[in-house]
Amino acid sequence: MTGRPDEDTVGFTGRRWAELGMPQPEHFTAMSEVLRISALLNKSIDRALKPFRVSKRGLLVMITLFVDPDSSKALGQLSKILMVHPTTVTLTIDQLESAGLVERRPHPTDRRTVLASLTETGQQTMKQIADSLAESDFGFPAAAPDSAHALTVALHQVRTEMGDA
């Protein structure tokens, strides 16, 4: 796909995009970089999660519950936090619950609300998953801590500009 065997795919595509007179080549190339990194991250995360039989969506639910001070969230809150349809949250909770990692329980004051909480097994599994992800530097192998921090700052700025932070 590139012009030369040693040429970066994203660089080549971005350069050709501009040469062809297509709109906003800088934004197009930034999108391409993010999509490429996303694919690489997904591959790394999938590899780390495979032994635990947890999906990436399940991981996001588990992280959300793990870091919550009460270790639980209403299913509706999970839907908003993860930006997914409530049905997706329900299906993910079903999978995690059948694996013994999460349990549903009634809200103490609102009978209409169901809370999801990590079980003790879920807490321990989350710690093991974190160790597994850390072995691959959370998908950023060989990235120095200052590079990871700079990336975090830059992406946070973009999210803020998009109205997400």
Protein backbone atom coordinates (compact mmCIF):
# COMPACT_ATOMS: atom_id res chain seq x y z
CA MET A 1 0.00 0.00 0.00
CA THR A 2 2.94 2.34 0.50
CA GLY A 3 5.11 3.93 -2.13
CA ARG A 4 8.29 2.35 -0.70
CA PRO A 5 8.77 -0.87 1.25
CA ASP A 6 10.07 1.05 4.28
CA GLU A 7 7.41 3.77 4.22
CA ASP A 8 4.88 4.00 7.06
CA THR A 9 1.35 3.11 5.95
CA VAL A 10 -0.31 6.00 7.78
CA GLY A 11 2.29 8.48 6.56
CA PHE A 12 1.86 7.31 2.98
CA THR A 13 -1.93 7.42 3.17
CA GLY A 14 -1.91 10.89 4.73
CA ARG A 15 0.51 12.20 2.12
CA ARG A 16 -1.55 10.76 -0.73
CA TRP A 17 -4.75 12.14 0.82
CA ALA A 18 -3.23 15.62 0.70
CA GLU A 19 -1.82 15.14 -2.83
CA LEU A 20 -5.27 14.12 -4.06
CA GLY A 21 -6.69 17.38 -2.71
CA MET A 22 -8.91 15.68 -0.15
CA PRO A 23 -10.21 17.75 2.77
CA GLN A 24 -8.40 18.31 6.06
CA PRO A 25 -5.32 16.10 5.57
CA GLU A 26 -4.01 16.79 9.09
CA HIS A 27 -7.26 15.65 10.69
CA PHE A 28 -7.47 12.69 8.33
CA THR A 29 -3.94 11.60 9.26
CA ALA A 30 -4.64 12.07 12.99
CA MET A 31 -7.75 9.89 12.61
CA SER A 32 -5.70 7.27 10.77
CA GLU A 33 -3.05 7.25 13.51
CA VAL A 34 -5.69 6.83 16.23
CA LEU A 35 -7.42 4.02 14.32
CA ARG A 36 -4.09 2.26 13.77
CA ILE A 37 -3.16 2.60 17.45
CA SER A 38 -6.63 1.40 18.39
CA ALA A 39 -6.13 -1.77 16.34
CA LEU A 40 -2.72 -2.37 17.94
CA LEU A 41 -4.09 -1.73 21.44
CA ASN A 42 -7.05 -4.04 20.82
CA LYS A 43 -4.70 -6.82 19.73
CA SER A 44 -2.55 -6.39 22.84
CA ILE A 45 -5.53 -6.16 25.20
CA ASP A 46 -7.22 -9.20 23.64
CA ARG A 47 -4.03 -11.20 24.17
CA ALA A 48 -3.86 -10.16 27.84
CA LEU A 49 -7.56 -10.88 28.45
CA LYS A 50 -7.72 -14.26 26.70
CA PRO A 51 -6.70 -16.37 29.73
CA PHE A 52 -9.40 -14.68 31.83
CA ARG A 53 -12.15 -15.10 29.23
CA VAL A 54 -13.18 -11.46 29.69
CA SER A 55 -14.12 -9.21 26.78
CA LYS A 56 -12.86 -5.65 26.40
CA ARG A 57 -16.34 -4.39 27.28
CA GLY A 58 -16.30 -6.67 30.32
CA LEU A 59 -12.92 -5.22 31.25
CA LEU A 60 -14.31 -1.69 31.07
CA VAL A 61 -17.21 -2.67 33.35
CA MET A 62 -14.84 -4.36 35.78
CA ILE A 63 -12.47 -1.37 35.84
CA THR A 64 -15.40 1.00 36.44
CA LEU A 65 -16.61 -1.11 39.36
CA PHE A 66 -13.09 -1.70 40.69
CA VAL A 67 -12.22 2.00 40.94
CA ASP A 68 -15.61 3.06 42.30
CA PRO A 69 -15.41 3.87 46.03
CA ASP A 70 -18.46 1.64 46.64
CA SER A 71 -17.30 -0.98 44.09
CA SER A 72 -20.75 -0.82 42.51
CA LYS A 73 -22.71 1.15 39.95
CA ALA A 74 -26.28 1.23 38.74
CA LEU A 75 -26.65 -0.41 35.34
CA GLY A 76 -27.95 2.87 33.91
CA GLN A 77 -24.86 4.69 35.17
CA LEU A 78 -22.63 2.07 33.54
CA SER A 79 -24.43 2.67 30.26
CA LYS A 80 -23.72 6.41 30.44
CA ILE A 81 -20.12 6.03 31.63
CA LEU A 82 -19.25 3.48 28.93
CA MET A 83 -21.31 5.26 26.26
CA VAL A 84 -23.16 2.10 25.24
CA HIS A 85 -26.80 1.10 25.00
CA PRO A 86 -28.35 -0.25 28.23
CA THR A 87 -28.93 -3.60 26.49
CA THR A 88 -25.18 -3.90 25.93
CA VAL A 89 -24.56 -3.31 29.63
CA THR A 90 -27.15 -5.93 30.54
CA LEU A 91 -25.56 -8.50 28.23
CA THR A 92 -22.08 -7.71 29.54
CA ILE A 93 -23.24 -7.98 33.16
CA ASP A 94 -24.92 -11.30 32.28
CA GLN A 95 -21.59 -12.64 30.99
CA LEU A 96 -19.61 -11.38 33.97
CA GLU A 97 -22.23 -12.66 36.40
CA SER A 98 -22.22 -16.13 34.86
CA ALA A 99 -18.42 -16.16 35.29
CA GLY A 100 -18.83 -15.26 38.97
CA LEU A 101 -17.06 -11.92 38.57
CA VAL A 102 -20.02 -9.58 39.10
CA GLU A 103 -23.26 -9.77 41.03
CA ARG A 104 -26.49 -7.85 40.74
CA ARG A 105 -28.14 -6.49 43.84
CA PRO A 106 -31.04 -4.16 44.52
CA HIS A 107 -30.38 -0.50 45.20
CA PRO A 108 -30.84 0.15 48.93
CA THR A 109 -33.27 3.07 48.46
CA ASP A 110 -34.58 2.84 44.87
CA ARG A 111 -36.44 -0.39 44.10
CA ARG A 112 -36.33 0.38 40.36
CA THR A 113 -32.52 0.44 40.23
CA VAL A 114 -30.24 -2.57 39.99
CA LEU A 115 -26.61 -2.27 41.04
CA ALA A 116 -23.72 -4.28 39.66
CA SER A 117 -20.86 -5.07 42.04
CA LEU A 118 -17.61 -6.96 41.68
CA THR A 119 -17.54 -10.19 43.64
CA GLU A 120 -14.46 -11.13 45.65
CA THR A 121 -13.49 -13.33 42.70
CA GLY A 122 -14.04 -10.34 40.41
CA GLN A 123 -11.78 -8.17 42.58
CA GLN A 124 -9.01 -10.77 42.48
CA THR A 125 -9.45 -11.34 38.74
CA MET A 126 -9.30 -7.59 38.12
CA LYS A 127 -5.96 -7.46 39.94
CA GLN A 128 -4.66 -10.38 37.86
CA ILE A 129 -5.87 -8.72 34.65
CA ALA A 130 -4.14 -5.48 35.69
CA ASP A 131 -0.89 -7.39 36.18
CA SER A 132 -1.30 -9.05 32.79
CA LEU A 133 -1.97 -5.73 31.07
CA ALA A 134 0.97 -4.13 32.89
CA GLU A 135 3.29 -6.81 31.46
CA SER A 136 2.63 -5.28 28.03
CA ASP A 137 2.74 -1.71 29.37
CA PHE A 138 -1.03 -1.55 28.84
CA GLY A 139 -0.56 -1.90 25.10
CA PHE A 140 2.22 0.68 24.83
CA PRO A 141 5.36 -1.46 24.94
CA ALA A 142 8.60 0.45 25.18
CA ALA A 143 6.82 3.79 25.64
CA ALA A 144 8.56 5.82 28.30
CA PRO A 145 6.33 7.05 31.15
CA ASP A 146 6.75 10.66 29.98
CA SER A 147 5.62 9.67 26.48
CA ALA A 148 2.57 7.90 27.90
CA HIS A 149 1.81 10.98 30.01
CA ALA A 150 2.21 13.33 27.02
CA LEU A 151 -0.15 11.13 24.99
CA THR A 152 -2.67 11.18 27.84
CA VAL A 153 -2.53 14.97 28.03
CA ALA A 154 -2.92 15.37 24.26
CA LEU A 155 -5.83 12.93 24.03
CA HIS A 156 -7.53 14.50 27.06
CA GLN A 157 -7.30 17.88 25.36
CA VAL A 158 -8.92 16.46 22.22
CA ARG A 159 -11.68 14.81 24.28
CA THR A 160 -12.27 18.08 26.10
CA GLU A 161 -12.57 19.92 22.79
CA MET A 162 -15.07 17.28 21.69
CA GLY A 163 -17.15 17.93 24.83
CA ASP A 164 -16.38 14.61 26.55
CA ALA A 165 -14.36 15.72 29.60
